C-alpha atoms as a PDB file:
ATOM      1  CA  MET A   1     -46.828 -22.163 -12.219  1.00  0.00           C
ATOM      2  CA  GLY A   2     -44.286 -24.163 -14.122  1.00  0.00           C
ATOM      3  CA  VAL A   3     -44.922 -26.223 -17.278  1.00  0.00           C
ATOM      4  CA  ILE A   4     -43.967 -29.310 -15.163  1.00  0.00           C
ATOM      5  CA  GLU A   5     -44.095 -29.467 -11.373  1.00  0.00           C
ATOM      6  CA  THR A   6     -43.268 -32.507  -9.120  1.00  0.00           C
ATOM      7  CA  ALA A   7     -43.488 -32.659  -5.293  1.00  0.00           C
ATOM      8  CA  GLY A   8     -42.085 -35.624  -3.403  1.00  0.00           C
ATOM      9  CA  LEU A   9     -42.405 -37.724  -6.552  1.00  0.00           C
ATOM     10  CA  THR A  10     -41.286 -41.313  -5.845  1.00  0.00           C
ATOM     11  CA  LYS A  11     -41.324 -44.398  -7.977  1.00  0.00           C
ATOM     12  CA  SER A  12     -40.208 -47.612  -6.337  1.00  0.00           C
ATOM     13  CA  TYR A  13     -39.790 -51.098  -7.826  1.00  0.00           C
ATOM     14  CA  PRO A  14     -39.168 -54.304  -5.820  1.00  0.00           C
ATOM     15  CA  ARG A  15     -35.377 -53.916  -5.863  1.00  0.00           C
ATOM     16  CA  VAL A  16     -34.754 -50.277  -6.893  1.00  0.00           C
ATOM     17  CA  THR A  17     -36.038 -46.801  -6.344  1.00  0.00           C
ATOM     18  CA  ALA A  18     -36.110 -45.025  -9.724  1.00  0.00           C
ATOM     19  CA  LEU A  19     -37.237 -41.689  -8.366  1.00  0.00           C
ATOM     20  CA  ASP A  20     -36.747 -40.602  -4.744  1.00  0.00           C
ATOM     21  CA  HIS A  21     -38.849 -37.678  -3.425  1.00  0.00           C
ATOM     22  CA  LEU A  22     -38.184 -35.555  -6.479  1.00  0.00           C
ATOM     23  CA  ASP A  23     -39.148 -31.888  -6.197  1.00  0.00           C
ATOM     24  CA  VAL A  24     -38.527 -29.991  -9.463  1.00  0.00           C
ATOM     25  CA  THR A  25     -40.115 -27.236 -11.535  1.00  0.00           C
ATOM     26  CA  VAL A  26     -39.686 -26.937 -15.309  1.00  0.00           C
ATOM     27  CA  GLY A  27     -40.494 -23.704 -17.112  1.00  0.00           C
ATOM     28  CA  ASP A  28     -40.663 -22.476 -20.698  1.00  0.00           C
ATOM     29  CA  GLY A  29     -37.819 -22.754 -23.130  1.00  0.00           C
ATOM     30  CA  VAL A  30     -35.533 -25.687 -23.484  1.00  0.00           C
ATOM     31  CA  THR A  31     -34.773 -27.684 -20.269  1.00  0.00           C
ATOM     32  CA  GLY A  32     -32.152 -30.367 -20.240  1.00  0.00           C
ATOM     33  CA  LEU A  33     -32.664 -33.355 -17.993  1.00  0.00           C
ATOM     34  CA  VAL A  34     -29.308 -34.995 -17.441  1.00  0.00           C
ATOM     35  CA  GLY A  35     -28.166 -38.048 -15.433  1.00  0.00           C
ATOM     36  CA  ALA A  36     -26.287 -41.291 -15.811  1.00  0.00           C
ATOM     37  CA  ASN A  37     -28.113 -44.394 -17.074  1.00  0.00           C
ATOM     38  CA  GLY A  38     -30.448 -45.479 -14.369  1.00  0.00           C
ATOM     39  CA  ALA A  39     -30.746 -41.911 -12.871  1.00  0.00           C
ATOM     40  CA  GLY A  40     -34.526 -41.911 -13.446  1.00  0.00           C
ATOM     41  CA  LYS A  41     -34.826 -39.821 -16.616  1.00  0.00           C
ATOM     42  CA  SER A  42     -37.006 -42.106 -18.662  1.00  0.00           C
ATOM     43  CA  THR A  43     -39.126 -43.125 -15.661  1.00  0.00           C
ATOM     44  CA  LEU A  44     -39.910 -39.444 -15.033  1.00  0.00           C
ATOM     45  CA  ILE A  45     -41.057 -38.919 -18.616  1.00  0.00           C
ATOM     46  CA  LYS A  46     -43.355 -41.932 -18.436  1.00  0.00           C
ATOM     47  CA  ILE A  47     -44.923 -40.687 -15.221  1.00  0.00           C
ATOM     48  CA  LEU A  48     -45.376 -37.216 -16.708  1.00  0.00           C
ATOM     49  CA  LEU A  49     -47.199 -38.725 -19.665  1.00  0.00           C
ATOM     50  CA  GLY A  50     -49.513 -40.573 -17.316  1.00  0.00           C
ATOM     51  CA  LEU A  51     -48.262 -43.941 -18.602  1.00  0.00           C
ATOM     52  CA  VAL A  52     -46.682 -45.170 -15.339  1.00  0.00           C
ATOM     53  CA  PRO A  53     -48.165 -44.480 -11.899  1.00  0.00           C
ATOM     54  CA  ALA A  54     -45.975 -42.915  -9.200  1.00  0.00           C
ATOM     55  CA  THR A  55     -45.547 -44.770  -5.962  1.00  0.00           C
ATOM     56  CA  SER A  56     -46.074 -41.577  -3.960  1.00  0.00           C
ATOM     57  CA  GLY A  57     -45.898 -37.797  -4.360  1.00  0.00           C
ATOM     58  CA  THR A  58     -47.554 -35.591  -6.964  1.00  0.00           C
ATOM     59  CA  ALA A  59     -46.825 -34.199 -10.484  1.00  0.00           C
ATOM     60  CA  SER A  60     -48.603 -31.869 -12.864  1.00  0.00           C
ATOM     61  CA  VAL A  61     -48.045 -31.079 -16.548  1.00  0.00           C
ATOM     62  CA  LEU A  62     -49.497 -27.822 -17.942  1.00  0.00           C
ATOM     63  CA  GLY A  63     -51.666 -27.660 -14.866  1.00  0.00           C
ATOM     64  CA  TYR A  64     -53.095 -31.247 -15.287  1.00  0.00           C
ATOM     65  CA  ASP A  65     -52.607 -33.946 -12.603  1.00  0.00           C
ATOM     66  CA  VAL A  66     -50.633 -36.890 -14.066  1.00  0.00           C
ATOM     67  CA  ALA A  67     -52.467 -39.308 -11.795  1.00  0.00           C
ATOM     68  CA  THR A  68     -55.959 -38.523 -13.055  1.00  0.00           C
ATOM     69  CA  GLU A  69     -55.688 -36.478 -16.287  1.00  0.00           C
ATOM     70  CA  GLY A  70     -53.176 -38.425 -18.368  1.00  0.00           C
ATOM     71  CA  ALA A  71     -55.407 -38.308 -21.465  1.00  0.00           C
ATOM     72  CA  GLU A  72     -55.625 -34.450 -21.278  1.00  0.00           C
ATOM     73  CA  ILE A  73     -51.821 -34.237 -20.896  1.00  0.00           C
ATOM     74  CA  ARG A  74     -51.105 -36.526 -23.883  1.00  0.00           C
ATOM     75  CA  ALA A  75     -53.356 -34.391 -26.084  1.00  0.00           C
ATOM     76  CA  LEU A  76     -51.199 -31.342 -25.395  1.00  0.00           C
ATOM     77  CA  VAL A  77     -47.749 -32.978 -25.250  1.00  0.00           C
ATOM     78  CA  GLY A  78     -45.550 -34.373 -27.977  1.00  0.00           C
ATOM     79  CA  TYR A  79     -43.289 -37.295 -27.171  1.00  0.00           C
ATOM     80  CA  MET A  80     -40.192 -38.540 -29.011  1.00  0.00           C
ATOM     81  CA  PRO A  81     -39.202 -41.968 -27.598  1.00  0.00           C
ATOM     82  CA  GLU A  82     -35.576 -43.015 -27.253  1.00  0.00           C
ATOM     83  CA  HIS A  83     -35.779 -46.417 -29.024  1.00  0.00           C
ATOM     84  CA  ASP A  84     -36.357 -47.101 -32.658  1.00  0.00           C
ATOM     85  CA  CYS A  85     -40.107 -47.687 -32.929  1.00  0.00           C
ATOM     86  CA  LEU A  86     -40.880 -46.781 -36.603  1.00  0.00           C
ATOM     87  CA  PRO A  87     -42.795 -49.219 -38.896  1.00  0.00           C
ATOM     88  CA  ALA A  88     -40.354 -50.155 -41.675  1.00  0.00           C
ATOM     89  CA  ASP A  89     -42.906 -50.395 -44.484  1.00  0.00           C
ATOM     90  CA  VAL A  90     -44.655 -47.052 -43.767  1.00  0.00           C
ATOM     91  CA  SER A  91     -43.535 -43.631 -45.133  1.00  0.00           C
ATOM     92  CA  ALA A  92     -42.781 -40.766 -42.799  1.00  0.00           C
ATOM     93  CA  SER A  93     -45.658 -38.806 -44.370  1.00  0.00           C
ATOM     94  CA  ASP A  94     -48.174 -41.551 -43.762  1.00  0.00           C
ATOM     95  CA  LEU A  95     -47.009 -42.018 -40.184  1.00  0.00           C
ATOM     96  CA  VAL A  96     -47.067 -38.400 -39.256  1.00  0.00           C
ATOM     97  CA  VAL A  97     -50.448 -37.863 -40.966  1.00  0.00           C
ATOM     98  CA  HIS A  98     -51.857 -40.790 -39.081  1.00  0.00           C
ATOM     99  CA  LEU A  99     -50.532 -39.701 -35.723  1.00  0.00           C
ATOM    100  CA  GLY A 100     -51.861 -36.226 -36.419  1.00  0.00           C
ATOM    101  CA  GLN A 101     -55.376 -37.641 -36.947  1.00  0.00           C
ATOM    102  CA  MET A 102     -55.002 -39.720 -33.817  1.00  0.00           C
ATOM    103  CA  SER A 103     -54.344 -36.450 -31.961  1.00  0.00           C
ATOM    104  CA  GLY A 104     -57.687 -35.060 -33.195  1.00  0.00           C
ATOM    105  CA  LEU A 105     -56.750 -33.246 -36.419  1.00  0.00           C
ATOM    106  CA  PRO A 106     -59.026 -33.617 -39.487  1.00  0.00           C
ATOM    107  CA  TYR A 107     -57.398 -35.460 -42.366  1.00  0.00           C
ATOM    108  CA  ALA A 108     -56.764 -32.333 -44.563  1.00  0.00           C
ATOM    109  CA  ALA A 109     -55.269 -30.404 -41.531  1.00  0.00           C
ATOM    110  CA  ALA A 110     -53.141 -33.487 -40.580  1.00  0.00           C
ATOM    111  CA  ARG A 111     -51.660 -33.645 -44.041  1.00  0.00           C
ATOM    112  CA  GLU A 112     -50.885 -29.955 -44.092  1.00  0.00           C
ATOM    113  CA  ARG A 113     -49.304 -30.092 -40.642  1.00  0.00           C
ATOM    114  CA  ALA A 114     -47.315 -33.245 -41.567  1.00  0.00           C
ATOM    115  CA  SER A 115     -45.899 -31.523 -44.665  1.00  0.00           C
ATOM    116  CA  ASP A 116     -44.845 -28.506 -42.587  1.00  0.00           C
ATOM    117  CA  VAL A 117     -43.203 -30.455 -39.789  1.00  0.00           C
ATOM    118  CA  LEU A 118     -41.404 -32.836 -42.082  1.00  0.00           C
ATOM    119  CA  ARG A 119     -39.996 -29.832 -43.989  1.00  0.00           C
ATOM    120  CA  HIS A 120     -38.877 -28.176 -40.685  1.00  0.00           C
ATOM    121  CA  VAL A 121     -37.046 -31.346 -39.591  1.00  0.00           C
ATOM    122  CA  GLY A 122     -35.350 -31.731 -42.997  1.00  0.00           C
ATOM    123  CA  LEU A 123     -37.370 -34.676 -44.426  1.00  0.00           C
ATOM    124  CA  ALA A 124     -39.193 -32.751 -47.209  1.00  0.00           C
ATOM    125  CA  GLU A 125     -37.735 -34.800 -50.081  1.00  0.00           C
ATOM    126  CA  GLU A 126     -37.607 -38.206 -48.373  1.00  0.00           C
ATOM    127  CA  ARG A 127     -41.073 -38.135 -46.659  1.00  0.00           C
ATOM    128  CA  TYR A 128     -42.648 -40.576 -49.090  1.00  0.00           C
ATOM    129  CA  ARG A 129     -39.940 -43.232 -48.719  1.00  0.00           C
ATOM    130  CA  PRO A 130     -40.544 -46.300 -46.485  1.00  0.00           C
ATOM    131  CA  MET A 131     -38.774 -45.604 -43.162  1.00  0.00           C
ATOM    132  CA  GLY A 132     -37.134 -49.012 -43.123  1.00  0.00           C
ATOM    133  CA  GLY A 133     -34.575 -47.528 -45.611  1.00  0.00           C
ATOM    134  CA  TYR A 134     -33.875 -44.459 -43.526  1.00  0.00           C
ATOM    135  CA  SER A 135     -30.526 -43.750 -41.864  1.00  0.00           C
ATOM    136  CA  THR A 136     -30.441 -43.355 -38.085  1.00  0.00           C
ATOM    137  CA  GLY A 137     -30.502 -39.560 -38.479  1.00  0.00           C
ATOM    138  CA  MET A 138     -33.547 -39.658 -40.748  1.00  0.00           C
ATOM    139  CA  LYS A 139     -35.372 -41.936 -38.281  1.00  0.00           C
ATOM    140  CA  GLN A 140     -34.687 -39.487 -35.470  1.00  0.00           C
ATOM    141  CA  ARG A 141     -36.061 -36.604 -37.575  1.00  0.00           C
ATOM    142  CA  ALA A 142     -39.208 -38.620 -38.384  1.00  0.00           C
ATOM    143  CA  LYS A 143     -39.716 -39.346 -34.632  1.00  0.00           C
ATOM    144  CA  LEU A 144     -39.304 -35.610 -33.909  1.00  0.00           C
ATOM    145  CA  ALA A 145     -41.863 -34.710 -36.704  1.00  0.00           C
ATOM    146  CA  GLN A 146     -44.525 -36.985 -35.223  1.00  0.00           C
ATOM    147  CA  ALA A 147     -44.012 -35.337 -31.774  1.00  0.00           C
ATOM    148  CA  LEU A 148     -44.717 -31.914 -33.298  1.00  0.00           C
ATOM    149  CA  VAL A 149     -47.481 -32.605 -35.792  1.00  0.00           C
ATOM    150  CA  HIS A 150     -50.412 -31.694 -33.453  1.00  0.00           C
ATOM    151  CA  ASP A 151     -48.850 -28.374 -32.415  1.00  0.00           C
ATOM    152  CA  PRO A 152     -48.149 -29.395 -28.794  1.00  0.00           C
ATOM    153  CA  ARG A 153     -47.511 -26.950 -25.975  1.00  0.00           C
ATOM    154  CA  LEU A 154     -44.716 -29.171 -24.657  1.00  0.00           C
ATOM    155  CA  VAL A 155     -42.474 -31.778 -26.152  1.00  0.00           C
ATOM    156  CA  LEU A 156     -40.615 -34.530 -24.264  1.00  0.00           C
ATOM    157  CA  LEU A 157     -37.570 -35.675 -26.171  1.00  0.00           C
ATOM    158  CA  ASP A 158     -35.807 -38.819 -24.826  1.00  0.00           C
ATOM    159  CA  GLU A 159     -32.178 -38.996 -25.930  1.00  0.00           C
ATOM    160  CA  PRO A 160     -32.896 -37.394 -29.444  1.00  0.00           C
ATOM    161  CA  THR A 161     -29.223 -37.709 -30.527  1.00  0.00           C
ATOM    162  CA  ASN A 162     -28.842 -41.400 -29.732  1.00  0.00           C
ATOM    163  CA  GLY A 163     -26.797 -43.158 -32.432  1.00  0.00           C
ATOM    164  CA  LEU A 164     -26.124 -39.994 -34.509  1.00  0.00           C
ATOM    165  CA  ASP A 165     -22.789 -39.096 -36.115  1.00  0.00           C
ATOM    166  CA  PRO A 166     -21.330 -35.684 -35.159  1.00  0.00           C
ATOM    167  CA  SER A 167     -22.868 -33.820 -38.119  1.00  0.00           C
ATOM    168  CA  SER A 168     -26.290 -35.291 -37.584  1.00  0.00           C
ATOM    169  CA  ARG A 169     -26.017 -34.640 -33.828  1.00  0.00           C
ATOM    170  CA  ASP A 170     -25.272 -30.914 -34.550  1.00  0.00           C
ATOM    171  CA  ASP A 171     -28.328 -30.768 -36.848  1.00  0.00           C
ATOM    172  CA  MET A 172     -30.567 -32.277 -34.184  1.00  0.00           C
ATOM    173  CA  LEU A 173     -29.324 -29.944 -31.494  1.00  0.00           C
ATOM    174  CA  ALA A 174     -30.073 -26.970 -33.715  1.00  0.00           C
ATOM    175  CA  LEU A 175     -33.616 -28.359 -34.382  1.00  0.00           C
ATOM    176  CA  VAL A 176     -34.269 -28.733 -30.727  1.00  0.00           C
ATOM    177  CA  ARG A 177     -33.042 -25.276 -30.042  1.00  0.00           C
ATOM    178  CA  ARG A 178     -35.373 -23.889 -32.730  1.00  0.00           C
ATOM    179  CA  ILE A 179     -38.355 -25.636 -31.217  1.00  0.00           C
ATOM    180  CA  GLY A 180     -37.876 -23.794 -27.967  1.00  0.00           C
ATOM    181  CA  SER A 181     -36.820 -20.382 -29.371  1.00  0.00           C
ATOM    182  CA  GLU A 182     -38.736 -20.005 -32.670  1.00  0.00           C
ATOM    183  CA  PHE A 183     -41.716 -22.259 -32.328  1.00  0.00           C
ATOM    184  CA  GLY A 184     -42.456 -21.218 -28.745  1.00  0.00           C
ATOM    185  CA  ILE A 185     -42.862 -24.760 -27.542  1.00  0.00           C
ATOM    186  CA  ALA A 186     -41.549 -25.792 -24.115  1.00  0.00           C
ATOM    187  CA  VAL A 187     -39.033 -28.650 -24.430  1.00  0.00           C
ATOM    188  CA  LEU A 188     -37.804 -31.184 -21.910  1.00  0.00           C
ATOM    189  CA  VAL A 189     -34.889 -33.071 -23.451  1.00  0.00           C
ATOM    190  CA  THR A 190     -33.012 -35.919 -21.763  1.00  0.00           C
ATOM    191  CA  SER A 191     -29.297 -36.686 -22.468  1.00  0.00           C
ATOM    192  CA  HIS A 192     -26.273 -38.146 -20.809  1.00  0.00           C
ATOM    193  CA  LEU A 193     -23.946 -36.039 -22.988  1.00  0.00           C
ATOM    194  CA  LEU A 194     -23.213 -32.910 -21.007  1.00  0.00           C
ATOM    195  CA  GLY A 195     -21.836 -30.884 -23.853  1.00  0.00           C
ATOM    196  CA  GLU A 196     -25.145 -31.244 -25.767  1.00  0.00           C
ATOM    197  CA  LEU A 197     -27.128 -29.676 -22.961  1.00  0.00           C
ATOM    198  CA  GLU A 198     -24.719 -26.799 -22.603  1.00  0.00           C
ATOM    199  CA  ARG A 199     -25.262 -25.955 -26.305  1.00  0.00           C
ATOM    200  CA  MET A 200     -29.062 -26.116 -26.495  1.00  0.00           C
ATOM    201  CA  SER A 201     -30.580 -25.723 -23.034  1.00  0.00           C
ATOM    202  CA  ASP A 202     -31.803 -22.676 -21.145  1.00  0.00           C
ATOM    203  CA  HIS A 203     -32.089 -24.597 -17.920  1.00  0.00           C
ATOM    204  CA  VAL A 204     -30.611 -27.858 -16.651  1.00  0.00           C
ATOM    205  CA  VAL A 205     -32.029 -30.364 -14.192  1.00  0.00           C
ATOM    206  CA  VAL A 206     -29.376 -32.858 -12.930  1.00  0.00           C
ATOM    207  CA  LEU A 207     -30.585 -36.208 -11.507  1.00  0.00           C
ATOM    208  CA  ASP A 208     -28.510 -38.698  -9.584  1.00  0.00           C
ATOM    209  CA  SER A 209     -29.996 -42.055  -8.587  1.00  0.00           C
ATOM    210  CA  GLY A 210     -33.502 -40.697  -8.775  1.00  0.00           C
ATOM    211  CA  ARG A 211     -32.714 -37.605  -6.627  1.00  0.00           C
ATOM    212  CA  LEU A 212     -32.416 -34.002  -7.625  1.00  0.00           C
ATOM    213  CA  LEU A 213     -28.770 -33.031  -7.597  1.00  0.00           C
ATOM    214  CA  ARG A 214     -29.185 -29.488  -9.002  1.00  0.00           C
ATOM    215  CA  SER A 215     -31.643 -27.370 -11.034  1.00  0.00           C
ATOM    216  CA  SER A 216     -30.498 -24.032 -12.399  1.00  0.00           C
ATOM    217  CA  ALA A 217     -30.045 -21.914 -15.497  1.00  0.00           C
ATOM    218  CA  THR A 218     -27.436 -23.228 -17.854  1.00  0.00           C
ATOM    219  CA  THR A 219     -25.406 -20.001 -17.589  1.00  0.00           C
ATOM    220  CA  ASP A 220     -25.060 -20.648 -13.823  1.00  0.00           C
ATOM    221  CA  PHE A 221     -23.018 -23.762 -14.653  1.00  0.00           C
ATOM    222  CA  LEU A 222     -20.715 -21.990 -17.064  1.00  0.00           C
ATOM    223  CA  HIS A 223     -19.477 -19.030 -14.979  1.00  0.00           C
ATOM    224  CA  ALA A 224     -15.736 -18.263 -14.618  1.00  0.00           C
ATOM    225  CA  THR A 225     -13.885 -20.069 -11.873  1.00  0.00           C
ATOM    226  CA  GLY A 226     -11.021 -17.541 -11.232  1.00  0.00           C
ATOM    227  CA  SER A 227      -8.406 -19.793 -12.669  1.00  0.00           C
ATOM    228  CA  LEU A 228      -6.542 -20.281 -15.932  1.00  0.00           C
ATOM    229  CA  LEU A 229      -5.966 -23.353 -18.035  1.00  0.00           C
ATOM    230  CA  VAL A 230      -2.500 -23.404 -19.470  1.00  0.00           C
ATOM    231  CA  GLU A 231      -1.003 -25.803 -22.063  1.00  0.00           C
ATOM    232  CA  VAL A 232       2.664 -25.752 -23.005  1.00  0.00           C
ATOM    233  CA  GLN A 233       4.927 -27.866 -25.237  1.00  0.00           C
ATOM    234  CA  GLY A 234       8.575 -28.293 -26.043  1.00  0.00           C
ATOM    235  CA  ARG A 235       9.563 -31.332 -24.010  1.00  0.00           C
ATOM    236  CA  PRO A 236       7.826 -34.435 -22.487  1.00  0.00           C
ATOM    237  CA  ASP A 237       7.724 -33.004 -19.047  1.00  0.00           C
ATOM    238  CA  ALA A 238       6.837 -29.426 -19.994  1.00  0.00           C
ATOM    239  CA  ASP A 239       3.686 -29.330 -17.874  1.00  0.00           C
ATOM    240  CA  ARG A 240       5.484 -30.587 -14.783  1.00  0.00           C
ATOM    241  CA  LEU A 241       8.350 -28.052 -15.227  1.00  0.00           C
ATOM    242  CA  LEU A 242       6.034 -25.103 -15.636  1.00  0.00           C
ATOM    243  CA  GLY A 243       3.840 -26.196 -12.851  1.00  0.00           C
ATOM    244  CA  GLN A 244       6.804 -26.328 -10.411  1.00  0.00           C
ATOM    245  CA  ALA A 245       8.078 -22.936 -11.638  1.00  0.00           C
ATOM    246  CA  LEU A 246       4.699 -21.418 -10.974  1.00  0.00           C
ATOM    247  CA  VAL A 247       4.564 -22.895  -7.425  1.00  0.00           C
ATOM    248  CA  ASP A 248       8.086 -21.590  -6.794  1.00  0.00           C
ATOM    249  CA  ALA A 249       6.861 -18.108  -7.889  1.00  0.00           C
ATOM    250  CA  GLY A 250       4.145 -18.262  -5.258  1.00  0.00           C
ATOM    251  CA  LEU A 251       1.198 -19.203  -7.362  1.00  0.00           C
ATOM    252  CA  VAL A 252      -1.179 -22.136  -6.838  1.00  0.00           C
ATOM    253  CA  ALA A 253      -0.919 -24.491  -9.801  1.00  0.00           C
ATOM    254  CA  ARG A 254      -2.087 -28.078 -10.211  1.00  0.00           C
ATOM    255  CA  PRO A 255      -2.419 -30.640 -13.001  1.00  0.00           C
ATOM    256  CA  ALA A 256      -5.674 -30.409 -15.022  1.00  0.00           C
ATOM    257  CA  GLU A 257      -7.281 -32.520 -17.740  1.00  0.00           C
ATOM    258  CA  GLY A 258      -4.869 -33.890 -20.300  1.00  0.00           C
ATOM    259  CA  ARG A 259      -1.458 -32.218 -20.158  1.00  0.00           C
ATOM    260  CA  MET A 260      -2.735 -28.914 -18.980  1.00  0.00           C
ATOM    261  CA  ILE A 261      -2.105 -26.916 -15.786  1.00  0.00           C
ATOM    262  CA  GLU A 262      -4.735 -25.023 -13.798  1.00  0.00           C
ATOM    263  CA  VAL A 263      -3.434 -21.814 -12.249  1.00  0.00           C
ATOM    264  CA  GLU A 264      -5.376 -19.763  -9.698  1.00  0.00           C
ATOM    265  CA  VAL A 265      -5.519 -16.166 -10.680  1.00  0.00           C
ATOM    266  CA  ARG A 266      -3.902 -14.099  -7.856  1.00  0.00           C
ATOM    267  CA  ASP A 267      -4.097 -10.669  -9.545  1.00  0.00           C
ATOM    268  CA  ASP A 268      -4.091  -9.042 -12.987  1.00  0.00           C
ATOM    269  CA  ALA A 269      -0.352  -9.909 -13.318  1.00  0.00           C
ATOM    270  CA  THR A 270      -0.923 -13.697 -13.160  1.00  0.00           C
ATOM    271  CA  PRO A 271      -1.126 -14.214 -16.981  1.00  0.00           C
ATOM    272  CA  ASP A 272       2.060 -12.228 -17.412  1.00  0.00           C
ATOM    273  CA  VAL A 273       3.885 -14.414 -14.818  1.00  0.00           C
ATOM    274  CA  VAL A 274       2.700 -17.584 -16.658  1.00  0.00           C
ATOM    275  CA  ARG A 275       3.924 -16.179 -19.997  1.00  0.00           C
ATOM    276  CA  ASP A 276       7.383 -15.032 -18.663  1.00  0.00           C
ATOM    277  CA  LEU A 277       8.049 -18.332 -16.896  1.00  0.00           C
ATOM    278  CA  THR A 278       7.113 -20.252 -20.075  1.00  0.00           C
ATOM    279  CA  VAL A 279       9.611 -18.156 -22.039  1.00  0.00           C
ATOM    280  CA  ASP A 280      12.315 -18.573 -19.345  1.00  0.00           C
ATOM    281  CA  LEU A 281      11.974 -22.321 -19.470  1.00  0.00           C
ATOM    282  CA  GLY A 282      12.277 -22.369 -23.233  1.00  0.00           C
ATOM    283  CA  LEU A 283       8.822 -23.815 -23.684  1.00  0.00           C
ATOM    284  CA  GLY A 284       6.083 -22.988 -26.144  1.00  0.00           C
ATOM    285  CA  LEU A 285       2.758 -21.618 -24.896  1.00  0.00           C
ATOM    286  CA  VAL A 286       0.032 -23.434 -26.761  1.00  0.00           C
ATOM    287  CA  ARG A 287      -2.873 -21.808 -25.001  1.00  0.00           C
ATOM    288  CA  MET A 288      -3.899 -19.932 -21.864  1.00  0.00           C
ATOM    289  CA  GLN A 289      -7.647 -19.516 -21.257  1.00  0.00           C
ATOM    290  CA  GLU A 290      -9.973 -18.704 -18.477  1.00  0.00           C
ATOM    291  CA  ARG A 291     -11.437 -21.803 -16.919  1.00  0.00           C
ATOM    292  CA  HIS A 292     -15.209 -22.048 -16.705  1.00  0.00           C
ATOM    293  CA  HIS A 293     -17.359 -24.432 -14.701  1.00  0.00           C
ATOM    294  CA  ARG A 294     -19.111 -26.988 -16.799  1.00  0.00           C
ATOM    295  CA  ILE A 295     -22.098 -29.206 -16.129  1.00  0.00           C
ATOM    296  CA  GLU A 296     -19.702 -32.084 -15.635  1.00  0.00           C
ATOM    297  CA  ASP A 297     -18.260 -30.353 -12.558  1.00  0.00           C
ATOM    298  CA  VAL A 298     -21.578 -30.948 -10.806  1.00  0.00           C
ATOM    299  CA  PHE A 299     -21.192 -34.649 -11.342  1.00  0.00           C
ATOM    300  CA  ARG A 300     -17.575 -34.722 -10.338  1.00  0.00           C
ATOM    301  CA  ASP A 301     -18.287 -32.768  -7.138  1.00  0.00           C
ATOM    302  CA  GLY A 302     -21.551 -34.403  -6.365  1.00  0.00           C
ATOM    303  CA  GLY A 303     -20.388 -37.988  -6.968  1.00  0.00           C
ATOM    304  CA  ALA A 304     -22.921 -38.818  -9.683  1.00  0.00           C
ATOM    305  CA  GLY A 305     -22.494 -41.772 -12.042  1.00  0.00           C
ATOM    306  CA  SER A 306     -20.970 -42.128 -15.402  1.00  0.00           C
ATOM    307  CA  VAL A 307     -21.979 -39.147 -17.609  1.00  0.00           C
ATOM    308  CA  GLN A 308     -19.997 -38.198 -20.636  1.00  0.00           C
ATOM    309  CA  PRO A 309     -18.646 -34.651 -21.064  1.00  0.00           C
ATOM    310  CA  VAL A 310     -19.019 -34.649 -24.865  1.00  0.00           C
END
C-alpha cells in the first residue's frame, strides 16, 4: 500500500473541474507533484488533509480514508502551506511550540522538539525573534519547522521555494531532500519549477488540468535520448552553417534551444564527424554533450500548460 492512494478522485466546482478521475499512488521518499497553475495541486493537498471533500472517487493517506478519518490523518501529517500565514508578533519558537502542543505533545516535549527542528531548518539563532521581521527565506524555514515538530510520518509541502532567491532556494531544496533521506519521512512537494523536482525528488507525479499526465521515477525522465547537443561560435550564423554541413554529411540535425544544434547519434563516429566539420568550417566548438530527457519534455510533448524549466 502506498503512503497516498487515490482512485477516480474528482473535485468539481460550478465552472471548473479541479481534479478529473485522478488515479495515483505515492510511496516513501520525496515525491514531486508538478503542474501549471490551476493543474489541481493545491486542491489535491486539501483533499488529502480532509479539509475539502471530493466530489467523487476515493483517497487514502497512511491507510486512513480522507472522507471519514481526516482528524487521524492530520495527526500524522505535517503541512507547509504555500502562502504567508505567520503571525508577525510571535517568535518562531513560540509558534512551533504551540503547534507542537496542539498536535498532542506535552509542553516540555514540544519545547525540546521545537528547538531541534528549528536548528535543523537553520533558525537556531533567530528563533526568539518576532517573525514579522523575518526575510522570506526565514519565514519559509519557520513554516517548514512547524510542519515537522510533531514528528509526522508524511509532510505535504506546497511550493516551499516560493519567493526565495537562488541561494535560499538551494538551501530549501537540500532541506527537503534531507527530510526524505535522513529523517525517513515521506514527502509530497508541489512545484511548478521543473528543475527543482529533478534535483530533490525520487518520484514525480505530473498533473495537467486535473488529470494524471505521468507518474514515474525521476530517473526515468532523465535518460539519454540518443542525440547530442552541440554549440559552436565564430560567426553569427555558426549554428546554421554547421547544421547544414551535418545534414550534407548524412546526419540528422535540427535547431535546439538557444543557438544549439541537436544531432542524432548514428554510430560511435558521430562525435568525430561533428568535431571535424566544426574545424573545417573554421568555427569554435563550445560544447558537445549527450542530450537527456527532462521533466519539461513531458509537458512539451503532452501539451500541458505553462511550467517553468528552472
